């Protein structure tokens, strides 16, 4: 995010805190598409996306006055969306357990993907556990630093690194498996 873009976002957040509905509409316009993508990959359910998105923005509106710093808005917003999505999945009994206590072994997979890999990556994401999908989206689609990712996910920095390692490995395996089926 550029310096001017960050300043504009800060002003919008401050305006929202005063109850300015136009500022909220502009924030929604800035984040709606990316948040929709993020929620879609957590829920893996197109019919849930609009409900989660609406509930998330209602929570943002209700709680924006409690936001400590405009700099933490993006992590805070994604945390709200994540919690809302998982809350709905739990109510529907569709959340599977995910282990965080695995040790990293070996070298980290290479991050280098070509633009031609985009369709393969999106297909591969569909095959992953929601915890793997969300961390990959935050890191590579939202370009979030590790610390912000830790805030969104509610975990420590080392856990973020571990999850990212295993998520990249799982994505690579999913892509390779799909490539094997195509041949």
Protein backbone atom coordinates (compact mmCIF):
# COMPACT_ATOMS: atom_id res chain seq x y z
CA UNK A 1 0.00 0.00 0.00
CA UNK A 2 1.40 3.41 -0.97
CA UNK A 3 1.86 6.28 1.43
CA UNK A 4 -1.03 8.32 -0.03
CA UNK A 5 -3.31 5.28 -0.09
CA UNK A 6 -2.52 4.60 3.57
CA UNK A 7 -3.25 8.21 4.48
CA UNK A 8 -6.56 8.13 2.58
CA UNK A 9 -7.50 4.93 4.39
CA UNK A 10 -6.65 6.48 7.77
CA UNK A 11 -8.86 9.48 7.00
CA UNK A 12 -11.71 7.18 5.95
CA UNK A 13 -11.39 5.22 9.19
CA UNK A 14 -11.41 8.39 11.27
CA UNK A 15 -14.48 9.59 9.38
CA UNK A 16 -16.17 6.24 10.02
CA UNK A 17 -15.50 6.63 13.73
CA UNK A 18 -17.55 9.83 13.65
CA UNK A 19 -20.46 8.01 12.00
CA UNK A 20 -19.83 9.12 8.42
CA UNK A 21 -21.76 6.59 6.29
CA UNK A 22 -20.13 7.77 3.06
CA UNK A 23 -16.71 6.94 4.49
CA UNK A 24 -17.96 3.46 5.45
CA UNK A 25 -19.32 2.98 1.93
CA UNK A 26 -15.93 3.94 0.52
CA UNK A 27 -14.12 1.50 2.84
CA UNK A 28 -16.52 -1.22 1.80
CA UNK A 29 -15.80 -0.38 -1.83
CA UNK A 30 -12.06 -0.68 -1.21
CA UNK A 31 -12.18 -4.01 0.60
CA UNK A 32 -15.35 -5.77 -0.55
CA UNK A 33 -13.90 -7.71 -3.47
CA UNK A 34 -10.77 -8.88 -1.62
CA UNK A 35 -12.72 -9.72 1.53
CA UNK A 36 -15.27 -11.64 -0.55
CA UNK A 37 -12.44 -13.70 -2.03
CA UNK A 38 -10.94 -14.36 1.41
CA UNK A 39 -14.28 -15.38 2.93
CA UNK A 40 -15.10 -17.55 -0.08
CA UNK A 41 -11.94 -19.54 0.38
CA UNK A 42 -12.55 -20.00 4.10
CA UNK A 43 -16.18 -21.02 3.78
CA UNK A 44 -15.86 -22.86 0.46
CA UNK A 45 -19.56 -22.04 0.17
CA UNK A 46 -20.71 -19.34 -2.29
CA UNK A 47 -24.09 -19.06 -0.59
CA UNK A 48 -22.43 -18.13 2.73
CA UNK A 49 -20.24 -15.32 1.40
CA UNK A 50 -22.85 -12.55 1.32
CA UNK A 51 -24.10 -13.35 4.83
CA UNK A 52 -20.59 -13.41 6.28
CA UNK A 53 -19.65 -10.24 4.44
CA UNK A 54 -22.74 -8.39 5.66
CA UNK A 55 -22.29 -9.59 9.25
CA UNK A 56 -18.63 -8.60 9.12
CA UNK A 57 -19.37 -5.05 7.96
CA UNK A 58 -22.10 -4.69 10.59
CA UNK A 59 -19.57 -5.69 13.25
CA UNK A 60 -17.05 -3.23 11.83
CA UNK A 61 -19.64 -0.46 12.00
CA UNK A 62 -20.58 -1.36 15.56
CA UNK A 63 -16.99 -1.70 16.80
CA UNK A 64 -14.96 0.79 14.77
CA UNK A 65 -14.87 3.21 17.69
CA UNK A 66 -12.91 0.58 19.66
CA UNK A 67 -10.18 0.30 17.01
CA UNK A 68 -6.98 1.50 18.69
CA UNK A 69 -5.08 2.51 15.59
CA UNK A 70 -6.04 3.11 11.99
CA UNK A 71 -2.82 1.30 11.03
CA UNK A 72 -4.24 -1.95 12.36
CA UNK A 73 -7.54 -1.63 10.46
CA UNK A 74 -6.76 -4.17 7.75
CA UNK A 75 -5.71 -6.90 10.19
CA UNK A 76 -8.69 -6.05 12.41
CA UNK A 77 -11.11 -6.22 9.44
CA UNK A 78 -9.78 -9.58 8.26
CA UNK A 79 -9.91 -10.93 11.82
CA UNK A 80 -13.58 -9.95 12.06
CA UNK A 81 -14.34 -11.56 8.68
CA UNK A 82 -12.41 -14.69 9.62
CA UNK A 83 -14.15 -15.05 12.98
CA UNK A 84 -17.55 -14.45 11.40
CA UNK A 85 -16.92 -17.06 8.69
CA UNK A 86 -15.70 -19.67 11.16
CA UNK A 87 -18.60 -18.89 13.49
CA UNK A 88 -21.08 -19.64 10.72
CA UNK A 89 -19.21 -22.79 9.71
CA UNK A 90 -19.24 -24.01 13.33
CA UNK A 91 -22.99 -23.40 13.59
CA UNK A 92 -23.43 -25.50 10.45
CA UNK A 93 -21.05 -28.19 11.75
CA UNK A 94 -18.66 -27.74 8.83
CA UNK A 95 -15.35 -26.90 10.51
CA UNK A 96 -12.71 -29.59 10.58
CA UNK A 97 -9.89 -29.66 13.09
CA UNK A 98 -6.53 -28.28 12.10
CA UNK A 99 -3.25 -29.10 13.82
CA UNK A 100 -0.84 -26.28 14.56
CA UNK A 101 1.74 -28.22 16.49
CA UNK A 102 3.74 -29.64 13.59
CA UNK A 103 7.47 -29.07 13.33
CA UNK A 104 9.06 -27.68 10.20
CA UNK A 105 11.36 -30.17 8.53
CA UNK A 106 13.52 -29.50 5.51
CA UNK A 107 13.76 -26.47 3.30
CA UNK A 108 10.88 -24.14 2.68
CA UNK A 109 9.23 -24.55 -0.72
CA UNK A 110 10.14 -21.91 -3.30
CA UNK A 111 7.64 -19.01 -3.51
CA UNK A 112 8.31 -18.40 -7.18
CA UNK A 113 5.26 -18.98 -9.34
CA UNK A 114 4.86 -17.59 -12.81
CA UNK A 115 1.75 -15.64 -13.88
CA UNK A 116 0.83 -18.67 -15.98
CA UNK A 117 0.42 -20.59 -12.73
CA UNK A 118 -2.47 -18.35 -11.55
CA UNK A 119 -5.28 -20.67 -12.70
CA UNK A 120 -3.47 -23.69 -11.29
CA UNK A 121 -2.99 -21.89 -7.98
CA UNK A 122 -6.67 -20.96 -7.71
CA UNK A 123 -7.64 -24.56 -8.50
CA UNK A 124 -5.12 -25.83 -5.97
CA UNK A 125 -6.45 -23.51 -3.26
CA UNK A 126 -9.86 -25.14 -3.58
CA UNK A 127 -8.34 -28.46 -2.50
CA UNK A 128 -6.72 -27.16 0.70
CA UNK A 129 -7.91 -27.03 4.28
CA UNK A 130 -9.41 -23.59 5.09
CA UNK A 131 -6.52 -22.81 7.44
CA UNK A 132 -4.06 -23.32 4.60
CA UNK A 133 -6.17 -21.31 2.15
CA UNK A 134 -6.53 -18.36 4.49
CA UNK A 135 -2.84 -18.02 5.28
CA UNK A 136 -1.85 -18.24 1.62
CA UNK A 137 -4.43 -15.61 0.68
CA UNK A 138 -3.32 -13.26 3.44
CA UNK A 139 0.33 -13.59 2.50
CA UNK A 140 0.30 -13.73 -1.28
CA UNK A 141 -2.96 -12.07 -2.33
CA UNK A 142 -3.17 -9.45 0.42
CA UNK A 143 0.60 -9.09 0.82
CA UNK A 144 0.25 -8.93 4.61
CA UNK A 145 3.37 -8.90 6.74
CA UNK A 146 3.76 -11.81 9.15
CA UNK A 147 2.88 -9.69 12.19
CA UNK A 148 -0.46 -8.60 10.69
CA UNK A 149 -1.15 -12.19 9.70
CA UNK A 150 -0.56 -13.22 13.32
CA UNK A 151 -3.09 -10.60 14.42
CA UNK A 152 -5.69 -11.80 11.93
CA UNK A 153 -5.18 -15.45 12.82
CA UNK A 154 -4.84 -14.89 16.57
CA UNK A 155 -1.57 -16.78 16.87
CA UNK A 156 2.14 -16.20 17.30
CA UNK A 157 4.69 -15.28 14.66
CA UNK A 158 6.29 -18.74 14.67
CA UNK A 159 2.89 -20.34 14.18
CA UNK A 160 2.32 -18.11 11.16
CA UNK A 161 5.63 -19.20 9.68
CA UNK A 162 4.89 -22.87 10.36
CA UNK A 163 1.39 -22.66 8.88
CA UNK A 164 2.70 -20.84 5.83
CA UNK A 165 5.37 -23.46 5.29
CA UNK A 166 2.86 -26.31 5.40
CA UNK A 167 0.28 -24.39 3.37
CA UNK A 168 2.77 -23.81 0.55
CA UNK A 169 3.74 -27.46 0.66
CA UNK A 170 0.07 -28.52 0.55
CA UNK A 171 -0.63 -26.15 -2.35
CA UNK A 172 2.31 -27.51 -4.30
CA UNK A 173 1.08 -31.10 -3.73
CA UNK A 174 -2.47 -30.17 -4.74
CA UNK A 175 -1.22 -28.51 -7.90
CA UNK A 176 0.99 -31.48 -8.74
CA UNK A 177 -1.89 -33.90 -8.14
CA UNK A 178 -4.16 -31.90 -10.44
CA UNK A 179 -1.40 -31.76 -13.07
CA UNK A 180 -1.05 -35.55 -12.83
CA UNK A 181 -4.80 -35.99 -13.43
CA UNK A 182 -4.70 -33.73 -16.50
CA UNK A 183 -1.95 -35.72 -18.22
